[in-house]
PDB file of N, CA and C in Angstrom:
ATOM      1  N   MET A   1       0.695  -1.056   0.089  1.00  0.00           N
ATOM      2  CA  MET A   1       0.114   0.010   0.000  1.00  0.00           C
ATOM      3  C   MET A   1       0.749   1.032  -0.056  1.00  0.00           C
ATOM      4  N   LEU A   2       0.641   2.222  -1.027  1.00  0.00           N
ATOM      5  CA  LEU A   2       1.231   3.350  -1.009  1.00  0.00           C
ATOM      6  C   LEU A   2       0.823   4.742  -0.217  1.00  0.00           C
ATOM      7  N   PRO A   3       1.816   4.702   0.819  1.00  0.00           N
ATOM      8  CA  PRO A   3       1.810   5.494   2.022  1.00  0.00           C
ATOM      9  C   PRO A   3       1.551   7.261   1.678  1.00  0.00           C
ATOM     10  N   ASN A   4       0.421   8.071   2.509  1.00  0.00           N
ATOM     11  CA  ASN A   4      -0.239   8.710   2.102  1.00  0.00           C
ATOM     12  C   ASN A   4       0.788   9.923   2.719  1.00  0.00           C
ATOM     13  N   ASP A   5       1.600   9.727   3.866  1.00  0.00           N
ATOM     14  CA  ASP A   5       2.212  10.961   4.402  1.00  0.00           C
ATOM     15  C   ASP A   5       3.717  11.331   3.719  1.00  0.00           C
ATOM     16  N   ARG A   6       3.766  10.818   2.027  1.00  0.00           N
ATOM     17  CA  ARG A   6       5.032  11.254   1.645  1.00  0.00           C
ATOM     18  C   ARG A   6       4.590  11.654   0.167  1.00  0.00           C
ATOM     19  N   LYS A   7       5.492  12.517  -0.460  1.00  0.00           N
ATOM     20  CA  LYS A   7       5.628  12.684  -1.778  1.00  0.00           C
ATOM     21  C   LYS A   7       6.397  11.576  -2.700  1.00  0.00           C
ATOM     22  N   TYR A   8       5.688  12.111  -3.879  1.00  0.00           N
ATOM     23  CA  TYR A   8       7.132  10.814  -4.842  1.00  0.00           C
ATOM     24  C   TYR A   8       7.658  11.379  -5.769  1.00  0.00           C
ATOM     25  N   THR A   9       8.216  10.628  -6.956  1.00  0.00           N
ATOM     26  CA  THR A   9       8.823  11.409  -7.943  1.00  0.00           C
ATOM     27  C   THR A   9       8.544  10.754  -9.009  1.00  0.00           C
ATOM     28  N   ARG A  10       8.383  10.838 -10.234  1.00  0.00           N
ATOM     29  CA  ARG A  10       8.381   9.898 -11.732  1.00  0.00           C
ATOM     30  C   ARG A  10       9.286   9.008 -11.669  1.00  0.00           C
ATOM     31  N   GLU A  11      10.571   9.348 -11.380  1.00  0.00           N
ATOM     32  CA  GLU A  11      11.373   8.432 -11.352  1.00  0.00           C
ATOM     33  C   GLU A  11      11.297   7.585  -9.889  1.00  0.00           C
ATOM     34  N   HIS A  12      10.154   7.113  -9.204  1.00  0.00           N
ATOM     35  CA  HIS A  12      10.119   6.187  -8.517  1.00  0.00           C
ATOM     36  C   HIS A  12      10.580   6.294  -7.153  1.00  0.00           C
ATOM     37  N   GLU A  13      10.979   7.394  -6.891  1.00  0.00           N
ATOM     38  CA  GLU A  13      11.312   7.828  -5.101  1.00  0.00           C
ATOM     39  C   GLU A  13      10.334   8.129  -4.529  1.00  0.00           C
ATOM     40  N   TRP A  14      10.309   8.312  -3.473  1.00  0.00           N
ATOM     41  CA  TRP A  14       9.507   8.744  -2.060  1.00  0.00           C
ATOM     42  C   TRP A  14      10.327   9.607  -1.226  1.00  0.00           C
ATOM     43  N   VAL A  15       9.604  10.912  -0.719  1.00  0.00           N
ATOM     44  CA  VAL A  15       9.705  11.331  -0.159  1.00  0.00           C
ATOM     45  C   VAL A  15       9.277  11.728   1.255  1.00  0.00           C
ATOM     46  N   LYS A  16       9.570  11.638   2.502  1.00  0.00           N
ATOM     47  CA  LYS A  16       9.157  12.041   4.110  1.00  0.00           C
ATOM     48  C   LYS A  16       9.462  13.266   4.653  1.00  0.00           C
ATOM     49  N   ILE A  17       8.888  14.448   4.312  1.00  0.00           N
ATOM     50  CA  ILE A  17       8.897  15.728   5.065  1.00  0.00           C
ATOM     51  C   ILE A  17       8.739  16.133   6.098  1.00  0.00           C
ATOM     52  N   GLU A  18       9.713  16.167   6.750  1.00  0.00           N
ATOM     53  CA  GLU A  18      10.067  16.335   8.528  1.00  0.00           C
ATOM     54  C   GLU A  18      10.904  17.606   8.807  1.00  0.00           C
ATOM     55  N   LYS A  19       9.813  18.995   8.484  1.00  0.00           N
ATOM     56  CA  LYS A  19      10.580  20.476   9.081  1.00  0.00           C
ATOM     57  C   LYS A  19      11.378  20.521   7.894  1.00  0.00           C
ATOM     58  N   ASP A  20      12.443  20.668   8.018  1.00  0.00           N
ATOM     59  CA  ASP A  20      13.580  21.298   6.938  1.00  0.00           C
ATOM     60  C   ASP A  20      14.429  20.091   6.123  1.00  0.00           C
ATOM     61  N   ARG A  21      13.887  18.628   6.973  1.00  0.00           N
ATOM     62  CA  ARG A  21      14.789  17.761   5.794  1.00  0.00           C
ATOM     63  C   ARG A  21      13.594  17.064   5.530  1.00  0.00           C
ATOM     64  N   VAL A  22      14.087  15.727   4.546  1.00  0.00           N
ATOM     65  CA  VAL A  22      13.296  14.901   4.024  1.00  0.00           C
ATOM     66  C   VAL A  22      14.197  13.565   4.091  1.00  0.00           C
ATOM     67  N   THR A  23      13.164  12.557   4.232  1.00  0.00           N
ATOM     68  CA  THR A  23      14.226  11.155   3.999  1.00  0.00           C
ATOM     69  C   THR A  23      13.784  10.581   3.090  1.00  0.00           C
ATOM     70  N   VAL A  24      14.437  10.181   2.104  1.00  0.00           N
ATOM     71  CA  VAL A  24      13.844   9.642   0.465  1.00  0.00           C
ATOM     72  C   VAL A  24      14.292   7.852   0.434  1.00  0.00           C
ATOM     73  N   GLY A  25      13.871   7.375  -0.174  1.00  0.00           N
ATOM     74  CA  GLY A  25      13.603   6.050  -0.576  1.00  0.00           C
ATOM     75  C   GLY A  25      13.593   5.134  -2.076  1.00  0.00           C
ATOM     76  N   ILE A  26      13.534   4.517  -2.095  1.00  0.00           N
ATOM     77  CA  ILE A  26      12.744   4.068  -3.694  1.00  0.00           C
ATOM     78  C   ILE A  26      11.123   3.656  -3.347  1.00  0.00           C
ATOM     79  N   THR A  27      10.181   3.585  -4.184  1.00  0.00           N
ATOM     80  CA  THR A  27       8.545   2.923  -3.646  1.00  0.00           C
ATOM     81  C   THR A  27       8.680   1.285  -3.853  1.00  0.00           C
ATOM     82  N   GLU A  28       7.512   0.976  -3.431  1.00  0.00           N
ATOM     83  CA  GLU A  28       7.387  -0.678  -3.648  1.00  0.00           C
ATOM     84  C   GLU A  28       7.197  -0.750  -5.071  1.00  0.00           C
ATOM     85  N   TYR A  29       7.082   0.142  -6.098  1.00  0.00           N
ATOM     86  CA  TYR A  29       6.675  -0.259  -7.553  1.00  0.00           C
ATOM     87  C   TYR A  29       8.369  -0.332  -8.086  1.00  0.00           C
ATOM     88  N   ALA A  30       9.027   0.230  -7.845  1.00  0.00           N
ATOM     89  CA  ALA A  30      10.532   0.643  -8.460  1.00  0.00           C
ATOM     90  C   ALA A  30      11.337  -0.543  -7.375  1.00  0.00           C
ATOM     91  N   GLN A  31      11.087  -0.819  -6.605  1.00  0.00           N
ATOM     92  CA  GLN A  31      11.941  -2.350  -5.952  1.00  0.00           C
ATOM     93  C   GLN A  31      11.499  -3.238  -6.512  1.00  0.00           C
ATOM     94  N   LYS A  32       9.949  -3.410  -6.865  1.00  0.00           N
ATOM     95  CA  LYS A  32       9.329  -4.891  -7.665  1.00  0.00           C
ATOM     96  C   LYS A  32      10.270  -4.435  -9.025  1.00  0.00           C
ATOM     97  N   GLU A  33      10.001  -4.075  -9.828  1.00  0.00           N
ATOM     98  CA  GLU A  33      10.649  -3.278 -11.098  1.00  0.00           C
ATOM     99  C   GLU A  33      12.228  -3.774 -10.701  1.00  0.00           C
ATOM    100  N   LEU A  34      13.149  -3.650  -9.738  1.00  0.00           N
ATOM    101  CA  LEU A  34      14.219  -3.718  -9.795  1.00  0.00           C
ATOM    102  C   LEU A  34      14.538  -5.703  -9.374  1.00  0.00           C
ATOM    103  N   GLY A  35      13.614  -6.103  -9.086  1.00  0.00           N
ATOM    104  CA  GLY A  35      13.814  -6.943  -8.063  1.00  0.00           C
ATOM    105  C   GLY A  35      14.603  -7.232  -7.051  1.00  0.00           C
ATOM    106  N   ASP A  36      15.133  -8.555  -6.810  1.00  0.00           N
ATOM    107  CA  ASP A  36      16.496  -8.279  -5.788  1.00  0.00           C
ATOM    108  C   ASP A  36      17.526  -7.468  -5.569  1.00  0.00           C
ATOM    109  N   VAL A  37      17.419  -6.592  -4.828  1.00  0.00           N
ATOM    110  CA  VAL A  37      18.413  -5.769  -4.988  1.00  0.00           C
ATOM    111  C   VAL A  37      19.767  -6.790  -3.836  1.00  0.00           C
ATOM    112  N   VAL A  38      20.976  -6.449  -4.811  1.00  0.00           N
ATOM    113  CA  VAL A  38      21.982  -7.006  -4.282  1.00  0.00           C
ATOM    114  C   VAL A  38      23.315  -6.285  -3.541  1.00  0.00           C
ATOM    115  N   PHE A  39      22.971  -4.725  -3.809  1.00  0.00           N
ATOM    116  CA  PHE A  39      23.792  -3.817  -3.567  1.00  0.00           C
ATOM    117  C   PHE A  39      24.026  -2.131  -3.679  1.00  0.00           C
ATOM    118  N   VAL A  40      23.724  -1.296  -2.872  1.00  0.00           N
ATOM    119  CA  VAL A  40      23.223   0.167  -2.752  1.00  0.00           C
ATOM    120  C   VAL A  40      24.786   0.626  -2.151  1.00  0.00           C
ATOM    121  N   ASP A  41      24.792   1.698  -3.400  1.00  0.00           N
ATOM    122  CA  ASP A  41      25.887   2.856  -3.671  1.00  0.00           C
ATOM    123  C   ASP A  41      25.473   3.752  -2.852  1.00  0.00           C
ATOM    124  N   LEU A  42      25.397   4.160  -1.385  1.00  0.00           N
ATOM    125  CA  LEU A  42      24.997   5.189  -0.922  1.00  0.00           C
ATOM    126  C   LEU A  42      25.643   6.365  -1.158  1.00  0.00           C
ATOM    127  N   PRO A  43      24.789   7.949  -0.974  1.00  0.00           N
ATOM    128  CA  PRO A  43      25.816   8.966  -0.919  1.00  0.00           C
ATOM    129  C   PRO A  43      26.856   9.214   0.191  1.00  0.00           C
ATOM    130  N   ALA A  44      27.399  10.491   0.302  1.00  0.00           N
ATOM    131  CA  ALA A  44      28.294  10.347   1.110  1.00  0.00           C
ATOM    132  C   ALA A  44      27.881  11.601   1.798  1.00  0.00           C
ATOM    133  N   VAL A  45      27.871  11.161   3.406  1.00  0.00           N
ATOM    134  CA  VAL A  45      27.235  12.183   4.241  1.00  0.00           C
ATOM    135  C   VAL A  45      27.812  13.592   3.502  1.00  0.00           C
ATOM    136  N   GLY A  46      27.012  14.530   3.928  1.00  0.00           N
ATOM    137  CA  GLY A  46      27.624  16.405   3.932  1.00  0.00           C
ATOM    138  C   GLY A  46      27.880  16.501   2.500  1.00  0.00           C
ATOM    139  N   GLU A  47      27.593  15.478   1.300  1.00  0.00           N
ATOM    140  CA  GLU A  47      27.555  15.797  -0.029  1.00  0.00           C
ATOM    141  C   GLU A  47      26.024  16.619  -0.526  1.00  0.00           C
ATOM    142  N   ARG A  48      26.504  17.624  -1.390  1.00  0.00           N
ATOM    143  CA  ARG A  48      25.150  18.341  -1.746  1.00  0.00           C
ATOM    144  C   ARG A  48      24.928  17.759  -2.984  1.00  0.00           C
ATOM    145  N   VAL A  49      23.609  17.642  -2.716  1.00  0.00           N
ATOM    146  CA  VAL A  49      23.020  16.875  -4.298  1.00  0.00           C
ATOM    147  C   VAL A  49      21.730  17.744  -4.329  1.00  0.00           C
ATOM    148  N   VAL A  50      21.688  17.694  -5.559  1.00  0.00           N
ATOM    149  CA  VAL A  50      20.697  18.551  -6.851  1.00  0.00           C
ATOM    150  C   VAL A  50      19.530  17.924  -7.555  1.00  0.00           C
ATOM    151  N   ALA A  51      18.556  18.537  -7.154  1.00  0.00           N
ATOM    152  CA  ALA A  51      17.030  18.070  -7.589  1.00  0.00           C
ATOM    153  C   ALA A  51      17.103  16.947  -9.142  1.00  0.00           C
ATOM    154  N   LYS A  52      16.587  16.206  -9.386  1.00  0.00           N
ATOM    155  CA  LYS A  52      16.916  15.432 -10.280  1.00  0.00           C
ATOM    156  C   LYS A  52      18.070  15.000 -10.808  1.00  0.00           C
ATOM    157  N   SER A  53      19.275  15.075  -9.790  1.00  0.00           N
ATOM    158  CA  SER A  53      20.609  14.611 -10.583  1.00  0.00           C
ATOM    159  C   SER A  53      21.036  13.023  -9.682  1.00  0.00           C
ATOM    160  N   ALA A  54      21.634  12.180 -10.242  1.00  0.00           N
ATOM    161  CA  ALA A  54      21.345  11.045  -9.936  1.00  0.00           C
ATOM    162  C   ALA A  54      22.268  11.131  -7.984  1.00  0.00           C
ATOM    163  N   MET A  55      21.931  10.636  -7.075  1.00  0.00           N
ATOM    164  CA  MET A  55      22.752  10.790  -5.709  1.00  0.00           C
ATOM    165  C   MET A  55      22.977   9.050  -5.415  1.00  0.00           C
ATOM    166  N   ALA A  56      22.536   8.045  -6.042  1.00  0.00           N
ATOM    167  CA  ALA A  56      22.666   6.892  -5.400  1.00  0.00           C
ATOM    168  C   ALA A  56      22.643   5.850  -6.139  1.00  0.00           C
ATOM    169  N   THR A  57      23.233   4.748  -6.056  1.00  0.00           N
ATOM    170  CA  THR A  57      23.164   3.459  -7.078  1.00  0.00           C
ATOM    171  C   THR A  57      22.675   2.708  -6.420  1.00  0.00           C
ATOM    172  N   ILE A  58      21.834   1.822  -6.729  1.00  0.00           N
ATOM    173  CA  ILE A  58      20.688   0.775  -6.615  1.00  0.00           C
ATOM    174  C   ILE A  58      21.599  -0.886  -7.791  1.00  0.00           C
ATOM    175  N   GLU A  59      21.429  -1.468  -7.123  1.00  0.00           N
ATOM    176  CA  GLU A  59      21.858  -2.874  -8.160  1.00  0.00           C
ATOM    177  C   GLU A  59      21.364  -4.304  -7.795  1.00  0.00           C
ATOM    178  N   SER A  60      20.377  -4.810  -8.994  1.00  0.00           N
ATOM    179  CA  SER A  60      19.825  -5.630  -8.104  1.00  0.00           C
ATOM    180  C   SER A  60      20.150  -6.921  -9.126  1.00  0.00           C
ATOM    181  N   VAL A  61      19.509  -8.215  -9.185  1.00  0.00           N
ATOM    182  CA  VAL A  61      20.036  -9.167 -10.063  1.00  0.00           C
ATOM    183  C   VAL A  61      19.629  -9.095 -11.281  1.00  0.00           C
ATOM    184  N   LYS A  62      18.835  -8.388 -11.548  1.00  0.00           N
ATOM    185  CA  LYS A  62      18.345  -7.758 -12.775  1.00  0.00           C
ATOM    186  C   LYS A  62      18.975  -6.394 -13.631  1.00  0.00           C
ATOM    187  N   ALA A  63      19.024  -5.308 -12.516  1.00  0.00           N
ATOM    188  CA  ALA A  63      20.236  -4.460 -13.736  1.00  0.00           C
ATOM    189  C   ALA A  63      20.713  -3.125 -12.298  1.00  0.00           C
ATOM    190  N   VAL A  64      21.330  -2.367 -12.597  1.00  0.00           N
ATOM    191  CA  VAL A  64      21.886  -1.368 -12.138  1.00  0.00           C
ATOM    192  C   VAL A  64      21.310   0.114 -12.134  1.00  0.00           C
ATOM    193  N   SER A  65      20.723   0.240 -11.597  1.00  0.00           N
ATOM    194  CA  SER A  65      19.796   1.660 -11.664  1.00  0.00           C
ATOM    195  C   SER A  65      20.407   3.067 -10.929  1.00  0.00           C
ATOM    196  N   GLU A  66      20.048   4.242 -10.963  1.00  0.00           N
ATOM    197  CA  GLU A  66      20.437   5.373 -10.679  1.00  0.00           C
ATOM    198  C   GLU A  66      19.119   5.635  -9.675  1.00  0.00           C
ATOM    199  N   ILE A  67      19.673   6.396  -8.159  1.00  0.00           N
ATOM    200  CA  ILE A  67      18.774   7.130  -7.668  1.00  0.00           C
ATOM    201  C   ILE A  67      18.561   8.265  -7.555  1.00  0.00           C
ATOM    202  N   TYR A  68      17.820   8.880  -7.860  1.00  0.00           N
ATOM    203  CA  TYR A  68      17.529  10.635  -8.259  1.00  0.00           C
ATOM    204  C   TYR A  68      17.349  11.300  -7.038  1.00  0.00           C
ATOM    205  N   ALA A  69      17.602  12.291  -6.648  1.00  0.00           N
ATOM    206  CA  ALA A  69      17.441  13.440  -5.754  1.00  0.00           C
ATOM    207  C   ALA A  69      16.280  13.893  -5.462  1.00  0.00           C
ATOM    208  N   PRO A  70      15.544  13.971  -5.087  1.00  0.00           N
ATOM    209  CA  PRO A  70      14.107  14.390  -5.063  1.00  0.00           C
ATOM    210  C   PRO A  70      13.989  15.747  -4.925  1.00  0.00           C
ATOM    211  N   ILE A  71      15.098  16.395  -4.092  1.00  0.00           N
ATOM    212  CA  ILE A  71      15.012  17.610  -3.682  1.00  0.00           C
ATOM    213  C   ILE A  71      17.036  17.580  -3.688  1.00  0.00           C
ATOM    214  N   SER A  72      17.203  19.209  -3.822  1.00  0.00           N
ATOM    215  CA  SER A  72      18.394  19.946  -3.668  1.00  0.00           C
ATOM    216  C   SER A  72      18.917  19.825  -2.228  1.00  0.00           C
ATOM    217  N   GLY A  73      19.877  19.725  -1.996  1.00  0.00           N
ATOM    218  CA  GLY A  73      19.924  20.068  -0.011  1.00  0.00           C
ATOM    219  C   GLY A  73      21.741  18.963  -0.002  1.00  0.00           C
ATOM    220  N   GLU A  74      21.914  19.214   1.251  1.00  0.00           N
ATOM    221  CA  GLU A  74      22.797  18.444   2.124  1.00  0.00           C
ATOM    222  C   GLU A  74      22.501  17.244   2.299  1.00  0.00           C
ATOM    223  N   VAL A  75      23.453  16.120   2.280  1.00  0.00           N
ATOM    224  CA  VAL A  75      23.078  14.906   2.425  1.00  0.00           C
ATOM    225  C   VAL A  75      23.270  14.688   4.539  1.00  0.00           C
ATOM    226  N   LEU A  76      22.931  14.581   5.041  1.00  0.00           N
ATOM    227  CA  LEU A  76      22.656  14.362   6.820  1.00  0.00           C
ATOM    228  C   LEU A  76      22.760  13.215   6.772  1.00  0.00           C
ATOM    229  N   GLU A  77      22.473  12.259   6.354  1.00  0.00           N
ATOM    230  CA  GLU A  77      22.737  10.643   7.126  1.00  0.00           C
ATOM    231  C   GLU A  77      22.175   9.988   6.176  1.00  0.00           C
ATOM    232  N   VAL A  78      23.111   8.669   5.870  1.00  0.00           N
ATOM    233  CA  VAL A  78      22.445   7.626   5.114  1.00  0.00           C
ATOM    234  C   VAL A  78      22.179   6.388   5.899  1.00  0.00           C
ATOM    235  N   ASN A  79      21.492   5.855   5.229  1.00  0.00           N
ATOM    236  CA  ASN A  79      21.147   3.873   5.516  1.00  0.00           C
ATOM    237  C   ASN A  79      22.546   3.097   5.829  1.00  0.00           C
ATOM    238  N   ASP A  80      23.173   3.082   7.093  1.00  0.00           N
ATOM    239  CA  ASP A  80      24.134   2.538   6.774  1.00  0.00           C
ATOM    240  C   ASP A  80      23.828   0.893   7.174  1.00  0.00           C
ATOM    241  N   SER A  81      22.827   0.533   7.429  1.00  0.00           N
ATOM    242  CA  SER A  81      22.291  -0.972   7.311  1.00  0.00           C
ATOM    243  C   SER A  81      22.151  -1.442   5.714  1.00  0.00           C
ATOM    244  N   LEU A  82      22.226  -0.636   4.645  1.00  0.00           N
ATOM    245  CA  LEU A  82      22.158  -1.327   3.809  1.00  0.00           C
ATOM    246  C   LEU A  82      23.297  -2.007   3.076  1.00  0.00           C
ATOM    247  N   GLU A  83      24.130  -1.396   3.533  1.00  0.00           N
ATOM    248  CA  GLU A  83      25.831  -1.609   3.408  1.00  0.00           C
ATOM    249  C   GLU A  83      25.430  -3.476   3.541  1.00  0.00           C
ATOM    250  N   HIS A  84      25.192  -3.908   4.713  1.00  0.00           N
ATOM    251  CA  HIS A  84      25.447  -5.223   4.952  1.00  0.00           C
ATOM    252  C   HIS A  84      23.650  -6.387   4.851  1.00  0.00           C
ATOM    253  N   SER A  85      22.824  -5.088   4.509  1.00  0.00           N
ATOM    254  CA  SER A  85      21.753  -6.102   3.944  1.00  0.00           C
ATOM    255  C   SER A  85      20.496  -4.904   3.007  1.00  0.00           C
ATOM    256  N   PRO A  86      21.279  -4.895   1.780  1.00  0.00           N
ATOM    257  CA  PRO A  86      20.447  -4.006   1.286  1.00  0.00           C
ATOM    258  C   PRO A  86      19.404  -4.782   0.781  1.00  0.00           C
ATOM    259  N   GLU A  87      18.933  -5.992   1.075  1.00  0.00           N
ATOM    260  CA  GLU A  87      17.996  -6.559   0.673  1.00  0.00           C
ATOM    261  C   GLU A  87      16.654  -5.769   1.482  1.00  0.00           C
ATOM    262  N   LEU A  88      16.645  -5.029   2.474  1.00  0.00           N
ATOM    263  CA  LEU A  88      15.643  -3.927   3.397  1.00  0.00           C
ATOM    264  C   LEU A  88      14.704  -2.896   2.455  1.00  0.00           C
ATOM    265  N   VAL A  89      15.732  -2.792   1.323  1.00  0.00           N
ATOM    266  CA  VAL A  89      15.213  -2.205   0.032  1.00  0.00           C
ATOM    267  C   VAL A  89      13.898  -3.167  -0.417  1.00  0.00           C
ATOM    268  N   ASN A  90      14.102  -4.118  -0.965  1.00  0.00           N
ATOM    269  CA  ASN A  90      12.984  -5.062  -0.934  1.00  0.00           C
ATOM    270  C   ASN A  90      11.533  -5.448   0.067  1.00  0.00           C
ATOM    271  N   GLN A  91      12.458  -5.583   1.266  1.00  0.00           N
ATOM    272  CA  GLN A  91      11.435  -6.389   2.827  1.00  0.00           C
ATOM    273  C   GLN A  91      10.402  -4.851   2.868  1.00  0.00           C
ATOM    274  N   ASP A  92      11.109  -3.793   3.219  1.00  0.00           N
ATOM    275  CA  ASP A  92      10.463  -2.739   3.656  1.00  0.00           C
ATOM    276  C   ASP A  92      11.021  -1.202   3.115  1.00  0.00           C
ATOM    277  N   PRO A  93      10.573  -1.079   1.823  1.00  0.00           N
ATOM    278  CA  PRO A  93      11.174   0.225   0.944  1.00  0.00           C
ATOM    279  C   PRO A  93      10.836   1.344   1.420  1.00  0.00           C
ATOM    280  N   TYR A  94       9.323   1.244   2.180  1.00  0.00           N
ATOM    281  CA  TYR A  94       9.123   2.615   3.316  1.00  0.00           C
ATOM    282  C   TYR A  94       9.548   2.830   4.250  1.00  0.00           C
ATOM    283  N   GLU A  95      10.469   2.175   5.183  1.00  0.00           N
ATOM    284  CA  GLU A  95      10.596   2.472   6.500  1.00  0.00           C
ATOM    285  C   GLU A  95      11.983   2.145   6.904  1.00  0.00           C
ATOM    286  N   LYS A  96      12.430   0.964   6.401  1.00  0.00           N
ATOM    287  CA  LYS A  96      13.946  -0.009   6.960  1.00  0.00           C
ATOM    288  C   LYS A  96      14.442   0.331   5.853  1.00  0.00           C
ATOM    289  N   GLY A  97      13.906   0.413   4.636  1.00  0.00           N
ATOM    290  CA  GLY A  97      14.966   0.351   3.276  1.00  0.00           C
ATOM    291  C   GLY A  97      14.957   1.873   2.912  1.00  0.00           C
ATOM    292  N   TRP A  98      14.831   2.499   3.682  1.00  0.00           N
ATOM    293  CA  TRP A  98      15.479   4.318   2.936  1.00  0.00           C
ATOM    294  C   TRP A  98      17.090   4.372   3.079  1.00  0.00           C
ATOM    295  N   ILE A  99      16.957   5.048   1.985  1.00  0.00           N
ATOM    296  CA  ILE A  99      18.190   5.643   1.663  1.00  0.00           C
ATOM    297  C   ILE A  99      19.294   6.772   2.242  1.00  0.00           C
ATOM    298  N   ALA A 100      18.405   8.209   2.197  1.00  0.00           N
ATOM    299  CA  ALA A 100      19.154   8.973   2.938  1.00  0.00           C
ATOM    300  C   ALA A 100      18.150  10.236   3.734  1.00  0.00           C
ATOM    301  N   LEU A 101      18.872  11.229   4.398  1.00  0.00           N
ATOM    302  CA  LEU A 101      18.004  12.494   5.324  1.00  0.00           C
ATOM    303  C   LEU A 101      18.742  13.247   4.707  1.00  0.00           C
ATOM    304  N   ILE A 102      18.280  14.277   4.019  1.00  0.00           N
ATOM    305  CA  ILE A 102      18.650  15.352   3.279  1.00  0.00           C
ATOM    306  C   ILE A 102      17.870  16.519   3.729  1.00  0.00           C
ATOM    307  N   GLU A 103      18.834  17.407   4.428  1.00  0.00           N
ATOM    308  CA  GLU A 103      18.262  18.508   4.432  1.00  0.00           C
ATOM    309  C   GLU A 103      18.110  19.740   3.528  1.00  0.00           C
ATOM    310  N   ILE A 104      16.821  20.154   3.294  1.00  0.00           N
ATOM    311  CA  ILE A 104      16.187  21.243   2.313  1.00  0.00           C
ATOM    312  C   ILE A 104      17.350  22.569   2.064  1.00  0.00           C
ATOM    313  N   THR A 105      17.182  22.684   0.813  1.00  0.00           N
ATOM    314  CA  THR A 105      18.023  23.893   0.333  1.00  0.00           C
ATOM    315  C   THR A 105      17.078  25.050  -0.161  1.00  0.00           C
ATOM    316  N   ASP A 106      15.455  23.719  -0.958  1.00  0.00           N
ATOM    317  CA  ASP A 106      14.944  24.950  -1.712  1.00  0.00           C
ATOM    318  C   ASP A 106      13.649  24.362  -1.012  1.00  0.00           C
ATOM    319  N   LYS A 107      12.968  24.866  -0.326  1.00  0.00           N
ATOM    320  CA  LYS A 107      11.392  24.066  -0.449  1.00  0.00           C
ATOM    321  C   LYS A 107      10.208  24.399  -1.568  1.00  0.00           C
ATOM    322  N   LYS A 108      10.636  24.887  -2.735  1.00  0.00           N
ATOM    323  CA  LYS A 108       9.557  25.388  -3.457  1.00  0.00           C
ATOM    324  C   LYS A 108       9.883  23.905  -4.344  1.00  0.00           C
ATOM    325  N   GLU A 109      10.773  23.244  -4.460  1.00  0.00           N
ATOM    326  CA  GLU A 109      10.802  22.141  -5.148  1.00  0.00           C
ATOM    327  C   GLU A 109      10.265  21.431  -4.573  1.00  0.00           C
ATOM    328  N   LEU A 110       9.572  20.932  -3.099  1.00  0.00           N
ATOM    329  CA  LEU A 110       8.555  20.162  -3.028  1.00  0.00           C
ATOM    330  C   LEU A 110       7.574  20.240  -3.778  1.00  0.00           C
ATOM    331  N   ASP A 111       7.019  21.218  -3.986  1.00  0.00           N
ATOM    332  CA  ASP A 111       6.024  21.390  -5.015  1.00  0.00           C
ATOM    333  C   ASP A 111       5.604  20.865  -6.148  1.00  0.00           C
ATOM    334  N   GLU A 112       7.065  20.141  -6.834  1.00  0.00           N
ATOM    335  CA  GLU A 112       6.702  19.576  -8.184  1.00  0.00           C
ATOM    336  C   GLU A 112       6.653  17.746  -8.075  1.00  0.00           C
ATOM    337  N   LEU A 113       6.764  17.452  -6.683  1.00  0.00           N
ATOM    338  CA  LEU A 113       6.567  16.446  -6.263  1.00  0.00           C
ATOM    339  C   LEU A 113       5.072  16.006  -6.348  1.00  0.00           C
ATOM    340  N   LEU A 114       5.341  14.527  -6.836  1.00  0.00           N
ATOM    341  CA  LEU A 114       3.808  14.046  -6.593  1.00  0.00           C
ATOM    342  C   LEU A 114       3.009  13.656  -5.241  1.00  0.00           C
ATOM    343  N   SER A 115       1.651  13.538  -5.624  1.00  0.00           N
ATOM    344  CA  SER A 115       1.171  13.610  -4.394  1.00  0.00           C
ATOM    345  C   SER A 115       0.876  11.691  -4.637  1.00  0.00           C
ATOM    346  N   ALA A 116       0.450  10.946  -3.566  1.00  0.00           N
ATOM    347  CA  ALA A 116       0.380   9.726  -3.115  1.00  0.00           C
ATOM    348  C   ALA A 116      -0.804   8.815  -4.585  1.00  0.00           C
ATOM    349  N   ALA A 117      -1.590   9.831  -4.479  1.00  0.00           N
ATOM    350  CA  ALA A 117      -2.659   9.300  -5.847  1.00  0.00           C
ATOM    351  C   ALA A 117      -2.407   9.878  -6.722  1.00  0.00           C
ATOM    352  N   ASP A 118      -1.129  10.943  -7.059  1.00  0.00           N
ATOM    353  CA  ASP A 118      -0.746  11.212  -8.279  1.00  0.00           C
ATOM    354  C   ASP A 118       0.054   9.894  -8.828  1.00  0.00           C
ATOM    355  N   TYR A 119       0.807   9.570  -7.929  1.00  0.00           N
ATOM    356  CA  TYR A 119       1.666   8.705  -8.510  1.00  0.00           C
ATOM    357  C   TYR A 119       1.129   7.251  -8.359  1.00  0.00           C
ATOM    358  N   ALA A 120       0.442   6.919  -7.291  1.00  0.00           N
ATOM    359  CA  ALA A 120      -0.366   5.888  -7.957  1.00  0.00           C
ATOM    360  C   ALA A 120      -1.309   5.810  -9.352  1.00  0.00           C
ATOM    361  N   ALA A 121      -1.314   6.753 -10.102  1.00  0.00           N
ATOM    362  CA  ALA A 121      -2.542   6.631 -11.098  1.00  0.00           C
ATOM    363  C   ALA A 121      -1.205   6.661 -12.340  1.00  0.00           C
ATOM    364  N   LEU A 122      -0.012   7.196 -11.988  1.00  0.00           N
ATOM    365  CA  LEU A 122       1.598   6.738 -12.623  1.00  0.00           C
ATOM    366  C   LEU A 122       1.748   5.798 -12.972  1.00  0.00           C
ATOM    367  N   VAL A 123       1.231   4.763 -11.705  1.00  0.00           N
ATOM    368  CA  VAL A 123       1.696   3.209 -11.967  1.00  0.00           C
ATOM    369  C   VAL A 123       0.734   2.478 -12.382  1.00  0.00           C
ATOM    370  N   GLY A 124      -0.260   2.796 -12.514  1.00  0.00           N
ATOM    371  CA  GLY A 124      -1.764   2.303 -12.231  1.00  0.00           C
ATOM    372  C   GLY A 124      -2.024   1.050 -10.933  1.00  0.00           C
ATOM    373  N   ALA A 125      -1.374   1.636 -10.317  1.00  0.00           N
ATOM    374  CA  ALA A 125      -2.197   0.991  -9.178  1.00  0.00           C
ATOM    375  C   ALA A 125      -3.603   1.233  -8.640  1.00  0.00           C
TER     376      ALA A 125
END
């Protein structure tokens, strides 16, 4: 089920907004399309990311895919658990499988993200 407490991108990332920060991950739809995730190349803490630019890489048994920053900002924290347990992205993409915590530099970029209903329509859910 698609959480309503988040925003989504057309590239299948989710964003959970908490004041001036966002937690970012990939959607259930994305992880199903990828198949079994075997490796996640996380961004570096302190790295500045730009909206719609690659910030991480996810490797599955099927393919290697980019994870795009849904918003511009500074990476404050990454999910180190994924280094040893990348399968968390498959098992729990909306909670334990998160990718990074980013401090927002331009809140206006949030307006470009999709609501849960719009994202569900995009993927035909």
